[in-house]
Amino acid sequence: MAAGAAGTRAVLALLVLCSMAAGAAGTSPEITAQVAESSGKLILSCNISAPHLSITGHQWIHKDKVVEEDKKTDTFTTYEIDGTREEHSGVYECVFEANPQIRGQVNISVAPQVTAYKKSEHGNEGDTGVLVCKNPSFPAVTTWSWSKTGHGALENASGRYIIKSSGNKTELRILKLDIEQDTGDYYCNGTNSFGTGEATVNLRVRSRLAALWPFLGIVAEVLVLVTIIFIYEKRRKPDEVPDDDDGGSAPLKSNATNHKDKNVRQRNAN
């Protein structure tokens, strides 16, 4: 069944599990699970065949989180998904609140929706570059692979590449980055039983001296500033004429004149 938004192909796998511990008359109820598509939406439903169960409500659980619940006593419950994207894939549990609880499961599976952790990565020449891709959708990827434009598939056996992968994540490490050889686009490819997905990571390798440019810029600015201050001080000093001699002689001359006038006045008085 094909469904979903933005061209995403969803494959709907139904898995019905039910249990009723030590149920009445030693029997367990049966749950029928269905998925229907309507106007771009998926409608999940569970129907329990037990006419005398005391049901007090329902829950729908996805990724250990209750996404919908009610207090109805029906033996039928539904949950609606608006489109089918990677975040909507996974295992959904329909829970009938009874004594004991009765649970069913509906699996929404899609082809891998591979995404790059960062679409663009940077590294310094000689360092180790790390590129990461992930698959947030269900089910997990069974096979991961890496390739590079103009290079083809990358393998661990090459000695410069180390690939570590798990179900929903893959990591490519490139040893001793080379500015000429390693710059470019890398492709991570993930495959599961429902299809294949791919993402692109662009790697830029900088020169060894790239990390020194900010420091060298600061040093250059300081040198320019010191030079300007030195030139300014050098040109300012010849233009300054000290006033100490002129300022000191005038008061001495005035004091001497006043002293003579005082002596003259004293003789005249005598």
C-alpha atoms as a PDB file:
ATOM      1  CA  MET A   1       0.000   0.000   0.000  1.00  0.00           C
ATOM      2  CA  ALA A   2       1.513   3.352  -1.031  1.00  0.00           C
ATOM      3  CA  ALA A   3       0.711   6.421   1.040  1.00  0.00           C
ATOM      4  CA  GLY A   4       2.263   9.541   2.537  1.00  0.00           C
ATOM      5  CA  ALA A   5       3.290  13.122   2.096  1.00  0.00           C
ATOM      6  CA  ALA A   6       6.056  14.522  -0.123  1.00  0.00           C
ATOM      7  CA  GLY A   7       6.301  11.329  -2.091  1.00  0.00           C
ATOM      8  CA  THR A   8       7.256   9.200   0.908  1.00  0.00           C
ATOM      9  CA  ARG A   9       6.367   5.578   0.260  1.00  0.00           C
ATOM     10  CA  ALA A  10       4.915   3.895   3.335  1.00  0.00           C
ATOM     11  CA  VAL A  11       4.680   0.147   3.640  1.00  0.00           C
ATOM     12  CA  LEU A  12       2.149  -0.882   6.257  1.00  0.00           C
ATOM     13  CA  ALA A  13       2.947  -4.085   8.085  1.00  0.00           C
ATOM     14  CA  LEU A  14       0.308  -5.318  10.502  1.00  0.00           C
ATOM     15  CA  LEU A  15       1.338  -7.292  13.537  1.00  0.00           C
ATOM     16  CA  VAL A  16      -1.456  -8.228  15.930  1.00  0.00           C
ATOM     17  CA  LEU A  17      -0.490  -9.321  19.418  1.00  0.00           C
ATOM     18  CA  CYS A  18      -2.963  -9.794  22.222  1.00  0.00           C
ATOM     19  CA  SER A  19      -2.806 -11.276  25.663  1.00  0.00           C
ATOM     20  CA  MET A  20      -5.112 -11.722  28.603  1.00  0.00           C
ATOM     21  CA  ALA A  21      -3.439 -13.282  31.587  1.00  0.00           C
ATOM     22  CA  ALA A  22      -5.573 -16.052  33.076  1.00  0.00           C
ATOM     23  CA  GLY A  23      -8.661 -14.790  31.292  1.00  0.00           C
ATOM     24  CA  ALA A  24     -12.178 -15.965  31.975  1.00  0.00           C
ATOM     25  CA  ALA A  25     -12.853 -19.523  30.862  1.00  0.00           C
ATOM     26  CA  GLY A  26      -9.147 -19.791  30.030  1.00  0.00           C
ATOM     27  CA  THR A  27      -9.498 -18.021  26.692  1.00  0.00           C
ATOM     28  CA  SER A  28      -7.789 -14.936  25.290  1.00  0.00           C
ATOM     29  CA  PRO A  29      -9.621 -12.305  23.256  1.00  0.00           C
ATOM     30  CA  GLU A  30      -8.690 -11.745  19.635  1.00  0.00           C
ATOM     31  CA  ILE A  31      -7.777  -8.321  18.212  1.00  0.00           C
ATOM     32  CA  THR A  32      -8.190  -7.432  14.575  1.00  0.00           C
ATOM     33  CA  ALA A  33      -5.934  -4.576  13.437  1.00  0.00           C
ATOM     34  CA  GLN A  34      -6.415  -2.590  10.235  1.00  0.00           C
ATOM     35  CA  VAL A  35      -4.907   0.412   8.464  1.00  0.00           C
ATOM     36  CA  ALA A  36      -6.879   2.493   5.992  1.00  0.00           C
ATOM     37  CA  GLU A  37      -5.935   5.523   3.925  1.00  0.00           C
ATOM     38  CA  SER A  38      -8.270   8.488   3.523  1.00  0.00           C
ATOM     39  CA  SER A  39      -7.427  11.927   2.061  1.00  0.00           C
ATOM     40  CA  GLY A  40      -3.709  11.539   2.721  1.00  0.00           C
ATOM     41  CA  LYS A  41      -4.288  10.307   6.263  1.00  0.00           C
ATOM     42  CA  LEU A  42      -3.762   6.896   7.793  1.00  0.00           C
ATOM     43  CA  ILE A  43      -6.386   5.493  10.115  1.00  0.00           C
ATOM     44  CA  LEU A  44      -5.211   2.770  12.494  1.00  0.00           C
ATOM     45  CA  SER A  45      -7.864   0.648  14.138  1.00  0.00           C
ATOM     46  CA  CYS A  46      -8.114  -2.233  16.613  1.00  0.00           C
ATOM     47  CA  ASN A  47     -11.232  -4.310  17.176  1.00  0.00           C
ATOM     48  CA  ILE A  48     -11.517  -6.765  20.048  1.00  0.00           C
ATOM     49  CA  SER A  49     -13.828  -9.769  19.892  1.00  0.00           C
ATOM     50  CA  ALA A  50     -14.943 -10.232  23.472  1.00  0.00           C
ATOM     51  CA  PRO A  51     -18.595  -9.512  24.146  1.00  0.00           C
ATOM     52  CA  HIS A  52     -18.484  -9.493  27.941  1.00  0.00           C
ATOM     53  CA  LEU A  53     -15.242  -7.618  28.708  1.00  0.00           C
ATOM     54  CA  SER A  54     -15.422  -4.705  31.111  1.00  0.00           C
ATOM     55  CA  ILE A  55     -13.533  -2.061  29.107  1.00  0.00           C
ATOM     56  CA  THR A  56     -12.996   1.330  30.813  1.00  0.00           C
ATOM     57  CA  GLY A  57     -10.997   3.166  28.179  1.00  0.00           C
ATOM     58  CA  HIS A  58      -8.396   3.054  25.398  1.00  0.00           C
ATOM     59  CA  GLN A  59      -4.837   4.239  24.767  1.00  0.00           C
ATOM     60  CA  TRP A  60      -2.655   4.522  21.692  1.00  0.00           C
ATOM     61  CA  ILE A  61       1.083   4.408  22.423  1.00  0.00           C
ATOM     62  CA  HIS A  62       3.936   5.311  20.053  1.00  0.00           C
ATOM     63  CA  LYS A  63       7.619   5.288  21.036  1.00  0.00           C
ATOM     64  CA  ASP A  64       6.706   4.809  24.712  1.00  0.00           C
ATOM     65  CA  LYS A  65       4.487   7.907  24.657  1.00  0.00           C
ATOM     66  CA  VAL A  66       0.708   8.016  24.944  1.00  0.00           C
ATOM     67  CA  VAL A  67      -0.464   9.835  21.812  1.00  0.00           C
ATOM     68  CA  GLU A  68      -4.195   9.448  22.392  1.00  0.00           C
ATOM     69  CA  GLU A  69      -6.516   8.116  25.100  1.00  0.00           C
ATOM     70  CA  ASP A  70     -10.205   8.094  26.022  1.00  0.00           C
ATOM     71  CA  LYS A  71     -12.641   6.671  28.563  1.00  0.00           C
ATOM     72  CA  LYS A  72     -14.955   4.928  26.133  1.00  0.00           C
ATOM     73  CA  THR A  73     -16.154   1.378  26.743  1.00  0.00           C
ATOM     74  CA  ASP A  74     -16.251   0.323  23.079  1.00  0.00           C
ATOM     75  CA  THR A  75     -14.518  -2.796  21.824  1.00  0.00           C
ATOM     76  CA  PHE A  76     -13.318  -0.736  18.861  1.00  0.00           C
ATOM     77  CA  THR A  77     -10.720   2.071  18.857  1.00  0.00           C
ATOM     78  CA  THR A  78      -9.013   4.136  16.122  1.00  0.00           C
ATOM     79  CA  TYR A  79      -6.066   6.503  15.795  1.00  0.00           C
ATOM     80  CA  GLU A  80      -5.545   8.910  12.881  1.00  0.00           C
ATOM     81  CA  ILE A  81      -2.144   9.902  11.455  1.00  0.00           C
ATOM     82  CA  ASP A  82      -1.921  13.052   9.338  1.00  0.00           C
ATOM     83  CA  GLY A  83       0.305  11.806   6.500  1.00  0.00           C
ATOM     84  CA  THR A  84       3.127   9.301   6.689  1.00  0.00           C
ATOM     85  CA  ARG A  85       6.546  10.734   7.393  1.00  0.00           C
ATOM     86  CA  GLU A  86       9.547   9.205   9.101  1.00  0.00           C
ATOM     87  CA  GLU A  87       8.450  10.461  12.530  1.00  0.00           C
ATOM     88  CA  HIS A  88       5.143   8.643  12.073  1.00  0.00           C
ATOM     89  CA  SER A  89       6.717   5.267  11.407  1.00  0.00           C
ATOM     90  CA  GLY A  90       7.211   2.700  14.115  1.00  0.00           C
ATOM     91  CA  VAL A  91       5.202   0.390  16.346  1.00  0.00           C
ATOM     92  CA  TYR A  92       1.806   1.605  17.585  1.00  0.00           C
ATOM     93  CA  GLU A  93       0.117  -0.143  20.488  1.00  0.00           C
ATOM     94  CA  CYS A  94      -3.624  -0.107  20.984  1.00  0.00           C
ATOM     95  CA  VAL A  95      -4.428  -0.692  24.645  1.00  0.00           C
ATOM     96  CA  PHE A  96      -7.828  -1.728  25.972  1.00  0.00           C
ATOM     97  CA  GLU A  97      -8.125  -0.789  29.640  1.00  0.00           C
ATOM     98  CA  ALA A  98      -9.563  -3.878  31.308  1.00  0.00           C
ATOM     99  CA  ASN A  99      -8.565  -6.300  34.009  1.00  0.00           C
ATOM    100  CA  PRO A 100      -6.050  -7.353  32.818  1.00  0.00           C
ATOM    101  CA  GLN A 101      -5.036  -4.970  30.013  1.00  0.00           C
ATOM    102  CA  ILE A 102      -5.318  -6.204  26.445  1.00  0.00           C
ATOM    103  CA  ARG A 103      -2.818  -4.919  23.863  1.00  0.00           C
ATOM    104  CA  GLY A 104      -2.521  -5.051  20.100  1.00  0.00           C
ATOM    105  CA  GLN A 105       0.203  -3.715  17.774  1.00  0.00           C
ATOM    106  CA  VAL A 106       0.234  -2.053  14.384  1.00  0.00           C
ATOM    107  CA  ASN A 107       3.569  -1.506  12.626  1.00  0.00           C
ATOM    108  CA  ILE A 108       3.988   1.433  10.250  1.00  0.00           C
ATOM    109  CA  SER A 109       7.131   0.747   8.222  1.00  0.00           C
ATOM    110  CA  VAL A 110       8.795   2.945   5.599  1.00  0.00           C
ATOM    111  CA  ALA A 111      11.903   2.930   3.443  1.00  0.00           C
ATOM    112  CA  PRO A 112      14.889   4.602   5.175  1.00  0.00           C
ATOM    113  CA  GLN A 113      14.584   8.377   5.510  1.00  0.00           C
ATOM    114  CA  VAL A 114      18.341   8.992   5.712  1.00  0.00           C
ATOM    115  CA  THR A 115      19.500  12.437   6.877  1.00  0.00           C
ATOM    116  CA  ALA A 116      22.946  13.934   7.476  1.00  0.00           C
ATOM    117  CA  TYR A 117      23.747  15.039  11.011  1.00  0.00           C
ATOM    118  CA  LYS A 118      25.367  18.107   9.384  1.00  0.00           C
ATOM    119  CA  LYS A 119      25.020  18.855   5.688  1.00  0.00           C
ATOM    120  CA  SER A 120      28.411  20.588   5.674  1.00  0.00           C
ATOM    121  CA  GLU A 121      31.485  19.632   7.706  1.00  0.00           C
ATOM    122  CA  HIS A 122      34.886  21.329   8.102  1.00  0.00           C
ATOM    123  CA  GLY A 123      38.257  19.876   9.033  1.00  0.00           C
ATOM    124  CA  ASN A 124      41.893  20.953   9.188  1.00  0.00           C
ATOM    125  CA  GLU A 125      44.509  19.303   7.030  1.00  0.00           C
ATOM    126  CA  GLY A 126      46.170  16.449   8.886  1.00  0.00           C
ATOM    127  CA  ASP A 127      43.296  16.012  11.368  1.00  0.00           C
ATOM    128  CA  THR A 128      40.596  13.298  11.396  1.00  0.00           C
ATOM    129  CA  GLY A 129      37.320  14.156   9.660  1.00  0.00           C
ATOM    130  CA  VAL A 130      34.043  12.743  11.012  1.00  0.00           C
ATOM    131  CA  LEU A 131      30.845  12.514   8.925  1.00  0.00           C
ATOM    132  CA  VAL A 132      27.582  11.181  10.421  1.00  0.00           C
ATOM    133  CA  CYS A 133      24.246  10.122   8.928  1.00  0.00           C
ATOM    134  CA  LYS A 134      21.150   8.791  10.686  1.00  0.00           C
ATOM    135  CA  ASN A 135      17.850   7.123   9.904  1.00  0.00           C
ATOM    136  CA  PRO A 136      15.010   8.227  12.236  1.00  0.00           C
ATOM    137  CA  SER A 137      12.422   5.994  10.566  1.00  0.00           C
ATOM    138  CA  PHE A 138      11.258   2.435  11.218  1.00  0.00           C
ATOM    139  CA  PRO A 139      12.444  -0.222  10.663  1.00  0.00           C
ATOM    140  CA  ALA A 140      16.186   0.131  11.230  1.00  0.00           C
ATOM    141  CA  VAL A 141      18.642   0.092   8.352  1.00  0.00           C
ATOM    142  CA  THR A 142      20.185  -3.324   7.707  1.00  0.00           C
ATOM    143  CA  THR A 143      22.968  -2.160   5.350  1.00  0.00           C
ATOM    144  CA  TRP A 144      24.924   1.123   5.356  1.00  0.00           C
ATOM    145  CA  SER A 145      27.448   2.254   2.724  1.00  0.00           C
ATOM    146  CA  TRP A 146      29.532   5.370   1.949  1.00  0.00           C
ATOM    147  CA  SER A 147      30.795   6.763  -1.348  1.00  0.00           C
ATOM    148  CA  LYS A 148      32.446   9.938  -2.650  1.00  0.00           C
ATOM    149  CA  THR A 149      32.104  11.910  -5.848  1.00  0.00           C
ATOM    150  CA  GLY A 150      34.777  10.781  -8.280  1.00  0.00           C
ATOM    151  CA  HIS A 151      36.003   8.086  -5.920  1.00  0.00           C
ATOM    152  CA  GLY A 152      33.283   5.434  -5.689  1.00  0.00           C
ATOM    153  CA  ALA A 153      32.597   3.222  -2.675  1.00  0.00           C
ATOM    154  CA  LEU A 154      34.655   3.770   0.480  1.00  0.00           C
ATOM    155  CA  GLU A 155      35.836   0.715   2.372  1.00  0.00           C
ATOM    156  CA  ASN A 156      37.401   0.102   5.777  1.00  0.00           C
ATOM    157  CA  ALA A 157      40.124  -1.932   4.081  1.00  0.00           C
ATOM    158  CA  SER A 158      41.594   1.190   2.452  1.00  0.00           C
ATOM    159  CA  GLY A 159      43.339   2.156   5.697  1.00  0.00           C
ATOM    160  CA  ARG A 160      42.313   5.836   5.612  1.00  0.00           C
ATOM    161  CA  TYR A 161      38.588   5.258   6.132  1.00  0.00           C
ATOM    162  CA  ILE A 162      36.915   3.848   9.235  1.00  0.00           C
ATOM    163  CA  ILE A 163      33.179   3.122   8.984  1.00  0.00           C
ATOM    164  CA  LYS A 164      31.115   2.343  12.084  1.00  0.00           C
ATOM    165  CA  SER A 165      27.411   1.609  11.647  1.00  0.00           C
ATOM    166  CA  SER A 166      24.433   0.592  13.763  1.00  0.00           C
ATOM    167  CA  GLY A 167      20.762   0.193  12.924  1.00  0.00           C
ATOM    168  CA  ASN A 168      19.873   3.882  12.762  1.00  0.00           C
ATOM    169  CA  LYS A 169      23.288   5.590  12.534  1.00  0.00           C
ATOM    170  CA  THR A 170      26.480   5.428  10.490  1.00  0.00           C
ATOM    171  CA  GLU A 171      29.794   7.245  10.951  1.00  0.00           C
ATOM    172  CA  LEU A 172      32.658   7.754   8.502  1.00  0.00           C
ATOM    173  CA  ARG A 173      36.088   8.734   9.853  1.00  0.00           C
ATOM    174  CA  ILE A 174      38.744   9.980   7.422  1.00  0.00           C
ATOM    175  CA  LEU A 175      42.285   9.821   8.781  1.00  0.00           C
ATOM    176  CA  LYS A 176      44.890  12.513   8.032  1.00  0.00           C
ATOM    177  CA  LEU A 177      42.720  14.814   5.956  1.00  0.00           C
ATOM    178  CA  ASP A 178      44.249  15.979   2.685  1.00  0.00           C
ATOM    179  CA  ILE A 179      43.100  19.303   1.233  1.00  0.00           C
ATOM    180  CA  GLU A 180      43.294  18.050  -2.350  1.00  0.00           C
ATOM    181  CA  GLN A 181      42.140  14.464  -1.977  1.00  0.00           C
ATOM    182  CA  ASP A 182      39.384  14.655   0.643  1.00  0.00           C
ATOM    183  CA  THR A 183      37.470  17.862  -0.153  1.00  0.00           C
ATOM    184  CA  GLY A 184      34.112  17.136  -1.827  1.00  0.00           C
ATOM    185  CA  ASP A 185      30.676  15.518  -1.483  1.00  0.00           C
ATOM    186  CA  TYR A 186      30.162  12.246   0.396  1.00  0.00           C
ATOM    187  CA  TYR A 187      27.051  10.051   0.163  1.00  0.00           C
ATOM    188  CA  CYS A 188      25.658   7.814   2.910  1.00  0.00           C
ATOM    189  CA  ASN A 189      23.259   5.129   1.718  1.00  0.00           C
ATOM    190  CA  GLY A 190      20.938   3.085   3.939  1.00  0.00           C
ATOM    191  CA  THR A 191      18.837   0.059   2.986  1.00  0.00           C
ATOM    192  CA  ASN A 192      16.177  -1.901   4.832  1.00  0.00           C
ATOM    193  CA  SER A 193      13.603  -4.453   3.710  1.00  0.00           C
ATOM    194  CA  PHE A 194      11.314  -1.688   2.389  1.00  0.00           C
ATOM    195  CA  GLY A 195      13.732   0.336   0.276  1.00  0.00           C
ATOM    196  CA  THR A 196      16.742   2.629   0.175  1.00  0.00           C
ATOM    197  CA  GLY A 197      17.540   6.183   1.282  1.00  0.00           C
ATOM    198  CA  GLU A 198      20.506   8.487   0.762  1.00  0.00           C
ATOM    199  CA  ALA A 199      21.913  11.777   2.111  1.00  0.00           C
ATOM    200  CA  THR A 200      24.812  14.049   1.097  1.00  0.00           C
ATOM    201  CA  VAL A 201      27.520  15.594   3.295  1.00  0.00           C
ATOM    202  CA  ASN A 202      29.896  18.239   1.922  1.00  0.00           C
ATOM    203  CA  LEU A 203      33.393  18.194   3.450  1.00  0.00           C
ATOM    204  CA  ARG A 204      35.729  21.197   3.299  1.00  0.00           C
ATOM    205  CA  VAL A 205      39.368  20.762   4.293  1.00  0.00           C
ATOM    206  CA  ARG A 206      41.294  23.846   5.434  1.00  0.00           C
ATOM    207  CA  SER A 207      45.043  24.477   5.295  1.00  0.00           C
ATOM    208  CA  ARG A 208      47.180  23.772   8.372  1.00  0.00           C
ATOM    209  CA  LEU A 209      47.730  27.523   8.765  1.00  0.00           C
ATOM    210  CA  ALA A 210      44.015  28.296   8.695  1.00  0.00           C
ATOM    211  CA  ALA A 211      43.760  28.128  12.498  1.00  0.00           C
ATOM    212  CA  LEU A 212      46.619  30.669  12.817  1.00  0.00           C
ATOM    213  CA  TRP A 213      45.047  33.373  10.655  1.00  0.00           C
ATOM    214  CA  PRO A 214      42.907  34.905  13.440  1.00  0.00           C
ATOM    215  CA  PHE A 215      45.959  35.114  15.752  1.00  0.00           C
ATOM    216  CA  LEU A 216      48.154  36.579  13.010  1.00  0.00           C
ATOM    217  CA  GLY A 217      45.440  39.138  12.263  1.00  0.00           C
ATOM    218  CA  ILE A 218      45.394  40.302  15.888  1.00  0.00           C
ATOM    219  CA  VAL A 219      49.210  40.561  15.946  1.00  0.00           C
ATOM    220  CA  ALA A 220      49.155  42.628  12.751  1.00  0.00           C
ATOM    221  CA  GLU A 221      46.545  45.005  14.184  1.00  0.00           C
ATOM    222  CA  VAL A 222      48.627  45.520  17.326  1.00  0.00           C
ATOM    223  CA  LEU A 223      51.773  46.243  15.299  1.00  0.00           C
ATOM    224  CA  VAL A 224      49.960  48.794  13.143  1.00  0.00           C
ATOM    225  CA  LEU A 225      48.541  50.528  16.217  1.00  0.00           C
ATOM    226  CA  VAL A 226      51.959  50.695  17.928  1.00  0.00           C
ATOM    227  CA  THR A 227      53.556  52.097  14.751  1.00  0.00           C
ATOM    228  CA  ILE A 228      50.918  54.837  14.454  1.00  0.00           C
ATOM    229  CA  ILE A 229      51.400  55.867  18.090  1.00  0.00           C
ATOM    230  CA  PHE A 230      55.209  55.914  17.675  1.00  0.00           C
ATOM    231  CA  ILE A 231      55.064  58.109  14.548  1.00  0.00           C
ATOM    232  CA  TYR A 232      52.594  60.493  16.194  1.00  0.00           C
ATOM    233  CA  GLU A 233      54.809  60.940  19.257  1.00  0.00           C
ATOM    234  CA  LYS A 234      57.927  61.367  17.111  1.00  0.00           C
ATOM    235  CA  ARG A 235      56.369  64.192  15.085  1.00  0.00           C
ATOM    236  CA  ARG A 236      54.748  65.950  18.033  1.00  0.00           C
ATOM    237  CA  LYS A 237      57.913  66.539  20.225  1.00  0.00           C
ATOM    238  CA  PRO A 238      59.878  68.978  17.963  1.00  0.00           C
ATOM    239  CA  ASP A 239      56.873  71.308  17.797  1.00  0.00           C
ATOM    240  CA  GLU A 240      56.693  71.692  21.577  1.00  0.00           C
ATOM    241  CA  VAL A 241      58.752  74.605  23.076  1.00  0.00           C
ATOM    242  CA  PRO A 242      59.244  74.516  26.867  1.00  0.00           C
ATOM    243  CA  ASP A 243      58.046  77.687  28.653  1.00  0.00           C
ATOM    244  CA  ASP A 244      60.064  77.132  31.842  1.00  0.00           C
ATOM    245  CA  ASP A 245      62.754  79.792  31.093  1.00  0.00           C
ATOM    246  CA  ASP A 246      60.308  82.550  30.149  1.00  0.00           C
ATOM    247  CA  GLY A 247      57.936  81.807  32.925  1.00  0.00           C
ATOM    248  CA  GLY A 248      60.697  81.678  35.579  1.00  0.00           C
ATOM    249  CA  SER A 249      62.567  84.934  34.587  1.00  0.00           C
ATOM    250  CA  ALA A 250      59.595  87.255  34.683  1.00  0.00           C
ATOM    251  CA  PRO A 251      58.773  86.779  38.359  1.00  0.00           C
ATOM    252  CA  LEU A 252      62.473  87.168  39.342  1.00  0.00           C
ATOM    253  CA  LYS A 253      62.742  90.500  37.506  1.00  0.00           C
ATOM    254  CA  SER A 254      59.589  91.808  39.075  1.00  0.00           C
ATOM    255  CA  ASN A 255      60.714  90.867  42.574  1.00  0.00           C
ATOM    256  CA  ALA A 256      64.045  92.642  42.110  1.00  0.00           C
ATOM    257  CA  THR A 257      62.349  95.869  40.947  1.00  0.00           C
ATOM    258  CA  ASN A 258      59.953  95.841  43.842  1.00  0.00           C
ATOM    259  CA  HIS A 259      62.874  95.364  46.290  1.00  0.00           C
ATOM    260  CA  LYS A 260      64.753  98.390  44.872  1.00  0.00           C
ATOM    261  CA  ASP A 261      61.661 100.607  45.081  1.00  0.00           C
ATOM    262  CA  LYS A 262      61.176  99.651  48.688  1.00  0.00           C
ATOM    263  CA  ASN A 263      64.789 100.581  49.582  1.00  0.00           C
ATOM    264  CA  VAL A 264      64.452 103.955  47.820  1.00  0.00           C
ATOM    265  CA  ARG A 265      61.298 104.744  49.777  1.00  0.00           C
ATOM    266  CA  GLN A 266      63.021 103.864  53.062  1.00  0.00           C
ATOM    267  CA  ARG A 267      65.998 106.275  52.320  1.00  0.00           C
ATOM    268  CA  ASN A 268      63.673 109.102  51.436  1.00  0.00           C
ATOM    269  CA  ALA A 269      61.769 108.577  54.627  1.00  0.00           C
ATOM    270  CA  ASN A 270      64.984 108.822  56.651  1.00  0.00           C
END
